[in-house]
Amino acid sequence: MSKDNSPGASGSQTLSRGIRILEILSDAREPLTIDEIARRLGVHRSVAYRLLRTLEDHGLVVRDDAGRVELGARLASLAAGVAHDLQAEALPELTAVANDLAMTCFIAMLDRDEALTLISVEPRHAIASVAQRPGSRHPVAAGAPGKVILAQLPVTEWPAGVTAGFAAEVQDAALRGFAQSHDEVIPSLRAVAVALPLRGRPPAAIAVVYLASDLAVEEIARRLAAASDSIRGALGS
């Protein structure tokens, strides 16, 4: 672990570490101990503790009775202000798709070199559904949403490290109008995505994630395409 023995970490370093803690907790999908957070952040436990106390003071993280840390409710109110118009128009469509297909439906948007989940809705009456938390992210060069996101960009704007195989799947997605994936981001999970191009915003995708389904991929894609058209129409895109 690195030790922070300087008189005071720079503001940018401290801010970066605080944001990284929020990302770690979001990716973990379960509460973590301070020691686990410090290890993943690569700092001494005392440094992680000071950062967590500040985040806790602002309601961005909370601790349970055992002292384990998870994201706080304050993040939800902050997230509600992000792309508010998109969330307002997309939520009914995502809810309808989730319930029609019995799959978790979400919107992912390009954020630097990652696909960031902006909004997510789980089906109401599904026997088993997959959690796709808003704020979760993964490399854009992986998964069905990443393929349709990259299909909206010129190759010169793709991140480094895109394999030839993935590039071929991006080109295939551009031709077919949808992409699919299996075991690419999370083991055993499948995803189908279509593009959600929105004026004045980074490239985005509307997608579903699921374990298994009797529905054909093409049928899933058609339902997503209808939702994409509806959202774009409501936003004038």
C-alpha atoms as a PDB file:
ATOM      1  CA  MET A   1       0.000   0.000   0.000  1.00  0.00           C
ATOM      2  CA  SER A   2       1.131   3.523  -0.642  1.00  0.00           C
ATOM      3  CA  LYS A   3       1.497   5.802   2.339  1.00  0.00           C
ATOM      4  CA  ASP A   4       0.386   9.387   2.369  1.00  0.00           C
ATOM      5  CA  ASN A   5       3.163  10.951   4.452  1.00  0.00           C
ATOM      6  CA  SER A   6       3.136  14.316   2.726  1.00  0.00           C
ATOM      7  CA  PRO A   7       2.015  17.378   4.741  1.00  0.00           C
ATOM      8  CA  GLY A   8      -1.266  17.201   2.846  1.00  0.00           C
ATOM      9  CA  ALA A   9      -2.450  15.483  -0.265  1.00  0.00           C
ATOM     10  CA  SER A  10      -3.159  17.852  -3.104  1.00  0.00           C
ATOM     11  CA  GLY A  11      -6.763  18.817  -3.595  1.00  0.00           C
ATOM     12  CA  SER A  12      -6.940  16.986  -6.910  1.00  0.00           C
ATOM     13  CA  GLN A  13      -5.481  13.808  -5.417  1.00  0.00           C
ATOM     14  CA  THR A  14      -7.851  13.882  -2.457  1.00  0.00           C
ATOM     15  CA  LEU A  15     -10.859  14.503  -4.692  1.00  0.00           C
ATOM     16  CA  SER A  16      -9.771  11.761  -7.068  1.00  0.00           C
ATOM     17  CA  ARG A  17      -9.436   9.276  -4.224  1.00  0.00           C
ATOM     18  CA  GLY A  18     -12.855  10.196  -2.844  1.00  0.00           C
ATOM     19  CA  ILE A  19     -14.472   9.677  -6.231  1.00  0.00           C
ATOM     20  CA  ARG A  20     -12.600   6.406  -6.634  1.00  0.00           C
ATOM     21  CA  ILE A  21     -14.047   5.175  -3.319  1.00  0.00           C
ATOM     22  CA  LEU A  22     -17.547   5.826  -4.644  1.00  0.00           C
ATOM     23  CA  GLU A  23     -16.694   3.864  -7.788  1.00  0.00           C
ATOM     24  CA  ILE A  24     -15.267   0.996  -5.732  1.00  0.00           C
ATOM     25  CA  LEU A  25     -18.408   0.786  -3.622  1.00  0.00           C
ATOM     26  CA  SER A  26     -20.625   0.937  -6.712  1.00  0.00           C
ATOM     27  CA  ASP A  27     -18.701  -1.851  -8.428  1.00  0.00           C
ATOM     28  CA  ALA A  28     -18.638  -4.013  -5.280  1.00  0.00           C
ATOM     29  CA  ARG A  29     -22.452  -4.344  -5.139  1.00  0.00           C
ATOM     30  CA  GLU A  30     -22.151  -5.106  -1.405  1.00  0.00           C
ATOM     31  CA  PRO A  31     -20.892  -3.274   1.714  1.00  0.00           C
ATOM     32  CA  LEU A  32     -17.111  -3.285   2.197  1.00  0.00           C
ATOM     33  CA  THR A  33     -14.927  -2.944   5.265  1.00  0.00           C
ATOM     34  CA  ILE A  34     -12.546  -0.011   5.566  1.00  0.00           C
ATOM     35  CA  ASP A  35      -9.620  -2.421   5.135  1.00  0.00           C
ATOM     36  CA  GLU A  36     -11.096  -3.746   1.879  1.00  0.00           C
ATOM     37  CA  ILE A  37     -11.617  -0.221   0.575  1.00  0.00           C
ATOM     38  CA  ALA A  38      -8.079   0.800   1.543  1.00  0.00           C
ATOM     39  CA  ARG A  39      -6.652  -2.251  -0.229  1.00  0.00           C
ATOM     40  CA  ARG A  40      -8.600  -1.627  -3.432  1.00  0.00           C
ATOM     41  CA  LEU A  41      -7.738   2.065  -3.336  1.00  0.00           C
ATOM     42  CA  GLY A  42      -4.081   1.285  -2.673  1.00  0.00           C
ATOM     43  CA  VAL A  43      -3.680   3.515   0.387  1.00  0.00           C
ATOM     44  CA  HIS A  44      -3.089   3.099   4.114  1.00  0.00           C
ATOM     45  CA  ARG A  45      -6.156   2.377   6.221  1.00  0.00           C
ATOM     46  CA  SER A  46      -5.877   5.752   7.969  1.00  0.00           C
ATOM     47  CA  VAL A  47      -6.035   7.589   4.629  1.00  0.00           C
ATOM     48  CA  ALA A  48      -9.099   5.622   3.573  1.00  0.00           C
ATOM     49  CA  TYR A  49     -10.726   6.309   6.940  1.00  0.00           C
ATOM     50  CA  ARG A  50     -10.260  10.092   6.626  1.00  0.00           C
ATOM     51  CA  LEU A  51     -11.718  10.078   3.125  1.00  0.00           C
ATOM     52  CA  LEU A  52     -14.668   7.964   4.218  1.00  0.00           C
ATOM     53  CA  ARG A  53     -15.426  10.261   7.152  1.00  0.00           C
ATOM     54  CA  THR A  54     -15.706  13.204   4.746  1.00  0.00           C
ATOM     55  CA  LEU A  55     -17.940  11.262   2.360  1.00  0.00           C
ATOM     56  CA  GLU A  56     -20.028  10.123   5.325  1.00  0.00           C
ATOM     57  CA  ASP A  57     -20.447  13.703   6.554  1.00  0.00           C
ATOM     58  CA  HIS A  58     -22.001  14.548   3.168  1.00  0.00           C
ATOM     59  CA  GLY A  59     -24.289  11.509   3.155  1.00  0.00           C
ATOM     60  CA  LEU A  60     -22.521   9.940   0.186  1.00  0.00           C
ATOM     61  CA  VAL A  61     -21.625   6.783   2.136  1.00  0.00           C
ATOM     62  CA  VAL A  62     -23.060   5.142   5.244  1.00  0.00           C
ATOM     63  CA  ARG A  63     -21.827   2.468   7.644  1.00  0.00           C
ATOM     64  CA  ASP A  64     -23.879  -0.406   9.017  1.00  0.00           C
ATOM     65  CA  ASP A  65     -23.771  -1.750  12.569  1.00  0.00           C
ATOM     66  CA  ALA A  66     -20.746  -3.874  11.703  1.00  0.00           C
ATOM     67  CA  GLY A  67     -18.855  -0.867  10.350  1.00  0.00           C
ATOM     68  CA  ARG A  68     -19.088  -1.920   6.718  1.00  0.00           C
ATOM     69  CA  VAL A  69     -19.473   0.875   4.182  1.00  0.00           C
ATOM     70  CA  GLU A  70     -21.956   1.285   1.341  1.00  0.00           C
ATOM     71  CA  LEU A  71     -23.224   4.098  -0.857  1.00  0.00           C
ATOM     72  CA  GLY A  72     -25.518   6.601   0.833  1.00  0.00           C
ATOM     73  CA  ALA A  73     -28.955   7.836  -0.134  1.00  0.00           C
ATOM     74  CA  ARG A  74     -27.611  11.318  -0.889  1.00  0.00           C
ATOM     75  CA  LEU A  75     -26.145   9.925  -4.118  1.00  0.00           C
ATOM     76  CA  ALA A  76     -29.629   9.109  -5.365  1.00  0.00           C
ATOM     77  CA  SER A  77     -30.775  12.708  -5.037  1.00  0.00           C
ATOM     78  CA  LEU A  78     -27.632  13.919  -6.820  1.00  0.00           C
ATOM     79  CA  ALA A  79     -28.136  11.363  -9.600  1.00  0.00           C
ATOM     80  CA  ALA A  80     -31.706  12.539 -10.110  1.00  0.00           C
ATOM     81  CA  GLY A  81     -30.352  15.830 -11.430  1.00  0.00           C
ATOM     82  CA  VAL A  82     -28.187  14.154 -14.080  1.00  0.00           C
ATOM     83  CA  ALA A  83     -29.804  14.286 -17.527  1.00  0.00           C
ATOM     84  CA  HIS A  84     -33.108  14.965 -15.820  1.00  0.00           C
ATOM     85  CA  ASP A  85     -35.053  15.304 -19.059  1.00  0.00           C
ATOM     86  CA  LEU A  86     -33.666  12.027 -20.388  1.00  0.00           C
ATOM     87  CA  GLN A  87     -34.522  10.206 -17.181  1.00  0.00           C
ATOM     88  CA  ALA A  88     -38.043  11.635 -17.124  1.00  0.00           C
ATOM     89  CA  GLU A  89     -38.789  10.583 -20.703  1.00  0.00           C
ATOM     90  CA  ALA A  90     -36.933   7.269 -20.608  1.00  0.00           C
ATOM     91  CA  LEU A  91     -38.213   5.852 -17.329  1.00  0.00           C
ATOM     92  CA  PRO A  92     -41.715   4.920 -18.596  1.00  0.00           C
ATOM     93  CA  GLU A  93     -40.232   3.292 -21.702  1.00  0.00           C
ATOM     94  CA  LEU A  94     -37.645   1.337 -19.713  1.00  0.00           C
ATOM     95  CA  THR A  95     -40.345   0.196 -17.306  1.00  0.00           C
ATOM     96  CA  ALA A  96     -42.531  -1.009 -20.177  1.00  0.00           C
ATOM     97  CA  VAL A  97     -39.659  -2.885 -21.836  1.00  0.00           C
ATOM     98  CA  ALA A  98     -38.572  -4.473 -18.546  1.00  0.00           C
ATOM     99  CA  ASN A  99     -42.083  -5.749 -17.859  1.00  0.00           C
ATOM    100  CA  ASP A 100     -42.789  -6.800 -21.458  1.00  0.00           C
ATOM    101  CA  LEU A 101     -39.587  -8.841 -21.736  1.00  0.00           C
ATOM    102  CA  ALA A 102     -39.162  -9.791 -18.051  1.00  0.00           C
ATOM    103  CA  MET A 103     -35.602  -8.448 -18.232  1.00  0.00           C
ATOM    104  CA  THR A 104     -33.724  -5.607 -16.611  1.00  0.00           C
ATOM    105  CA  CYS A 105     -33.684  -2.654 -19.005  1.00  0.00           C
ATOM    106  CA  PHE A 106     -31.172   0.176 -18.829  1.00  0.00           C
ATOM    107  CA  ILE A 107     -29.542   3.052 -20.645  1.00  0.00           C
ATOM    108  CA  ALA A 108     -25.756   3.176 -20.910  1.00  0.00           C
ATOM    109  CA  MET A 109     -23.843   6.229 -22.090  1.00  0.00           C
ATOM    110  CA  LEU A 110     -20.240   6.742 -23.124  1.00  0.00           C
ATOM    111  CA  ASP A 111     -18.172   8.237 -20.310  1.00  0.00           C
ATOM    112  CA  ARG A 112     -14.534   8.561 -21.345  1.00  0.00           C
ATOM    113  CA  ASP A 113     -13.573   4.981 -22.253  1.00  0.00           C
ATOM    114  CA  GLU A 114     -16.381   3.324 -20.303  1.00  0.00           C
ATOM    115  CA  ALA A 115     -20.055   2.505 -20.656  1.00  0.00           C
ATOM    116  CA  LEU A 116     -21.846   4.134 -17.722  1.00  0.00           C
ATOM    117  CA  THR A 117     -25.291   2.935 -16.635  1.00  0.00           C
ATOM    118  CA  LEU A 118     -27.459   6.017 -16.299  1.00  0.00           C
ATOM    119  CA  ILE A 119     -30.930   4.584 -15.631  1.00  0.00           C
ATOM    120  CA  SER A 120     -32.064   1.040 -14.895  1.00  0.00           C
ATOM    121  CA  VAL A 121     -35.420  -0.684 -14.308  1.00  0.00           C
ATOM    122  CA  GLU A 122     -35.960  -4.270 -13.153  1.00  0.00           C
ATOM    123  CA  PRO A 123     -39.076  -6.202 -14.235  1.00  0.00           C
ATOM    124  CA  ARG A 124     -41.969  -6.182 -11.799  1.00  0.00           C
ATOM    125  CA  HIS A 125     -43.006  -9.841 -11.797  1.00  0.00           C
ATOM    126  CA  ALA A 126     -39.979 -11.753 -13.044  1.00  0.00           C
ATOM    127  CA  ILE A 127     -39.035 -14.911 -11.134  1.00  0.00           C
ATOM    128  CA  ALA A 128     -35.395 -13.834 -11.242  1.00  0.00           C
ATOM    129  CA  SER A 129     -33.962 -10.549 -12.478  1.00  0.00           C
ATOM    130  CA  VAL A 130     -30.514  -9.068 -12.810  1.00  0.00           C
ATOM    131  CA  ALA A 131     -29.503  -5.940 -10.925  1.00  0.00           C
ATOM    132  CA  GLN A 132     -27.903  -3.262 -13.091  1.00  0.00           C
ATOM    133  CA  ARG A 133     -27.298  -0.348 -10.769  1.00  0.00           C
ATOM    134  CA  PRO A 134     -27.196   3.229 -12.052  1.00  0.00           C
ATOM    135  CA  GLY A 135     -23.612   4.417 -11.823  1.00  0.00           C
ATOM    136  CA  SER A 136     -22.105   1.038 -12.615  1.00  0.00           C
ATOM    137  CA  ARG A 137     -19.593   1.058 -15.433  1.00  0.00           C
ATOM    138  CA  HIS A 138     -17.408  -1.212 -17.508  1.00  0.00           C
ATOM    139  CA  PRO A 139     -14.946  -0.745 -20.400  1.00  0.00           C
ATOM    140  CA  VAL A 140     -16.788   0.315 -23.527  1.00  0.00           C
ATOM    141  CA  ALA A 141     -14.843  -2.304 -25.489  1.00  0.00           C
ATOM    142  CA  ALA A 142     -16.923  -5.055 -23.879  1.00  0.00           C
ATOM    143  CA  GLY A 143     -20.574  -6.052 -23.883  1.00  0.00           C
ATOM    144  CA  ALA A 144     -23.536  -5.339 -26.149  1.00  0.00           C
ATOM    145  CA  PRO A 145     -24.007  -1.679 -25.085  1.00  0.00           C
ATOM    146  CA  GLY A 146     -20.353  -0.997 -25.801  1.00  0.00           C
ATOM    147  CA  LYS A 147     -20.681  -2.375 -29.308  1.00  0.00           C
ATOM    148  CA  VAL A 148     -23.581  -0.124 -30.309  1.00  0.00           C
ATOM    149  CA  ILE A 149     -21.950   2.854 -28.583  1.00  0.00           C
ATOM    150  CA  LEU A 150     -18.722   2.405 -30.558  1.00  0.00           C
ATOM    151  CA  ALA A 151     -20.755   1.855 -33.731  1.00  0.00           C
ATOM    152  CA  GLN A 152     -21.853   5.496 -33.382  1.00  0.00           C
ATOM    153  CA  LEU A 153     -18.261   6.755 -33.398  1.00  0.00           C
ATOM    154  CA  PRO A 154     -15.583   6.898 -36.092  1.00  0.00           C
ATOM    155  CA  VAL A 155     -12.828   4.344 -35.535  1.00  0.00           C
ATOM    156  CA  THR A 156     -10.387   7.191 -34.871  1.00  0.00           C
ATOM    157  CA  GLU A 157     -12.313   7.994 -31.684  1.00  0.00           C
ATOM    158  CA  TRP A 158     -12.326   4.459 -30.310  1.00  0.00           C
ATOM    159  CA  PRO A 159     -10.300   3.814 -27.156  1.00  0.00           C
ATOM    160  CA  ALA A 160      -6.997   1.997 -27.397  1.00  0.00           C
ATOM    161  CA  GLY A 161      -7.028  -1.748 -26.995  1.00  0.00           C
ATOM    162  CA  VAL A 162     -10.103  -2.654 -29.052  1.00  0.00           C
ATOM    163  CA  THR A 163      -9.416  -6.133 -30.382  1.00  0.00           C
ATOM    164  CA  ALA A 164      -9.943  -7.113 -34.005  1.00  0.00           C
ATOM    165  CA  GLY A 165     -12.680  -9.502 -32.926  1.00  0.00           C
ATOM    166  CA  PHE A 166     -14.556  -6.852 -30.991  1.00  0.00           C
ATOM    167  CA  ALA A 167     -14.155  -4.367 -33.854  1.00  0.00           C
ATOM    168  CA  ALA A 168     -15.757  -6.902 -36.179  1.00  0.00           C
ATOM    169  CA  GLU A 169     -18.705  -7.248 -33.801  1.00  0.00           C
ATOM    170  CA  VAL A 170     -19.063  -3.454 -33.692  1.00  0.00           C
ATOM    171  CA  GLN A 171     -19.243  -3.377 -37.490  1.00  0.00           C
ATOM    172  CA  ASP A 172     -21.772  -6.210 -37.422  1.00  0.00           C
ATOM    173  CA  ALA A 173     -23.875  -4.269 -34.888  1.00  0.00           C
ATOM    174  CA  ALA A 174     -23.852  -1.238 -37.171  1.00  0.00           C
ATOM    175  CA  LEU A 175     -25.165  -3.376 -40.043  1.00  0.00           C
ATOM    176  CA  ARG A 176     -27.793  -5.308 -38.084  1.00  0.00           C
ATOM    177  CA  GLY A 177     -28.929  -2.420 -35.902  1.00  0.00           C
ATOM    178  CA  PHE A 178     -28.336  -4.259 -32.643  1.00  0.00           C
ATOM    179  CA  ALA A 179     -25.661  -6.095 -30.680  1.00  0.00           C
ATOM    180  CA  GLN A 180     -25.649  -9.028 -28.323  1.00  0.00           C
ATOM    181  CA  SER A 181     -23.191 -10.400 -25.802  1.00  0.00           C
ATOM    182  CA  HIS A 182     -22.809 -13.356 -23.469  1.00  0.00           C
ATOM    183  CA  ASP A 183     -20.276 -13.739 -20.650  1.00  0.00           C
ATOM    184  CA  GLU A 184     -18.463 -10.562 -21.709  1.00  0.00           C
ATOM    185  CA  VAL A 185     -18.990  -8.276 -18.716  1.00  0.00           C
ATOM    186  CA  ILE A 186     -20.447 -10.540 -16.018  1.00  0.00           C
ATOM    187  CA  PRO A 187     -20.176 -14.342 -16.264  1.00  0.00           C
ATOM    188  CA  SER A 188     -23.363 -16.148 -17.399  1.00  0.00           C
ATOM    189  CA  LEU A 189     -25.248 -12.949 -18.244  1.00  0.00           C
ATOM    190  CA  ARG A 190     -26.584 -12.097 -21.694  1.00  0.00           C
ATOM    191  CA  ALA A 191     -27.330  -8.658 -23.097  1.00  0.00           C
ATOM    192  CA  VAL A 192     -28.943  -7.154 -26.178  1.00  0.00           C
ATOM    193  CA  ALA A 193     -28.573  -3.473 -27.065  1.00  0.00           C
ATOM    194  CA  VAL A 194     -29.570  -0.960 -29.715  1.00  0.00           C
ATOM    195  CA  ALA A 195     -28.309   2.549 -30.282  1.00  0.00           C
ATOM    196  CA  LEU A 196     -29.894   5.532 -28.570  1.00  0.00           C
ATOM    197  CA  PRO A 197     -28.413   8.527 -30.408  1.00  0.00           C
ATOM    198  CA  LEU A 198     -29.410  11.748 -28.657  1.00  0.00           C
ATOM    199  CA  ARG A 199     -28.695  15.239 -29.933  1.00  0.00           C
ATOM    200  CA  GLY A 200     -26.060  17.036 -27.879  1.00  0.00           C
ATOM    201  CA  ARG A 201     -25.192  13.993 -25.733  1.00  0.00           C
ATOM    202  CA  PRO A 202     -22.488  11.300 -25.837  1.00  0.00           C
ATOM    203  CA  PRO A 203     -23.334   8.099 -27.734  1.00  0.00           C
ATOM    204  CA  ALA A 204     -25.748   5.930 -25.752  1.00  0.00           C
ATOM    205  CA  ALA A 205     -27.487   2.559 -25.882  1.00  0.00           C
ATOM    206  CA  ILE A 206     -30.706   1.105 -24.550  1.00  0.00           C
ATOM    207  CA  ALA A 207     -30.211  -2.492 -23.505  1.00  0.00           C
ATOM    208  CA  VAL A 208     -31.522  -5.444 -21.537  1.00  0.00           C
ATOM    209  CA  VAL A 209     -29.532  -7.873 -19.415  1.00  0.00           C
ATOM    210  CA  TYR A 210     -30.805 -11.323 -18.459  1.00  0.00           C
ATOM    211  CA  LEU A 211     -29.842 -14.905 -17.616  1.00  0.00           C
ATOM    212  CA  ALA A 212     -31.912 -16.774 -20.201  1.00  0.00           C
ATOM    213  CA  SER A 213     -34.993 -16.272 -22.354  1.00  0.00           C
ATOM    214  CA  ASP A 214     -37.146 -18.112 -24.883  1.00  0.00           C
ATOM    215  CA  LEU A 215     -37.408 -14.910 -26.931  1.00  0.00           C
ATOM    216  CA  ALA A 216     -35.338 -14.596 -30.093  1.00  0.00           C
ATOM    217  CA  VAL A 217     -32.609 -11.983 -29.998  1.00  0.00           C
ATOM    218  CA  GLU A 218     -34.175 -10.270 -33.018  1.00  0.00           C
ATOM    219  CA  GLU A 219     -37.494  -9.943 -31.182  1.00  0.00           C
ATOM    220  CA  ILE A 220     -35.767  -8.404 -28.168  1.00  0.00           C
ATOM    221  CA  ALA A 221     -33.917  -5.999 -30.449  1.00  0.00           C
ATOM    222  CA  ARG A 222     -37.143  -4.890 -32.154  1.00  0.00           C
ATOM    223  CA  ARG A 223     -38.701  -4.054 -28.798  1.00  0.00           C
ATOM    224  CA  LEU A 224     -35.629  -2.058 -27.797  1.00  0.00           C
ATOM    225  CA  ALA A 225     -35.589  -0.233 -31.133  1.00  0.00           C
ATOM    226  CA  ALA A 226     -39.215   0.835 -30.620  1.00  0.00           C
ATOM    227  CA  ALA A 227     -38.335   2.165 -27.165  1.00  0.00           C
ATOM    228  CA  SER A 228     -35.312   4.004 -28.565  1.00  0.00           C
ATOM    229  CA  ASP A 229     -37.466   5.666 -31.220  1.00  0.00           C
ATOM    230  CA  SER A 230     -40.028   6.681 -28.607  1.00  0.00           C
ATOM    231  CA  ILE A 231     -37.442   8.210 -26.273  1.00  0.00           C
ATOM    232  CA  ARG A 232     -35.742  10.093 -29.099  1.00  0.00           C
ATOM    233  CA  GLY A 233     -39.080  11.395 -30.342  1.00  0.00           C
ATOM    234  CA  ALA A 234     -40.034  12.659 -26.894  1.00  0.00           C
ATOM    235  CA  LEU A 235     -36.701  14.472 -26.610  1.00  0.00           C
ATOM    236  CA  GLY A 236     -36.757  15.842 -30.146  1.00  0.00           C
ATOM    237  CA  SER A 237     -33.662  13.889 -31.131  1.00  0.00           C
END
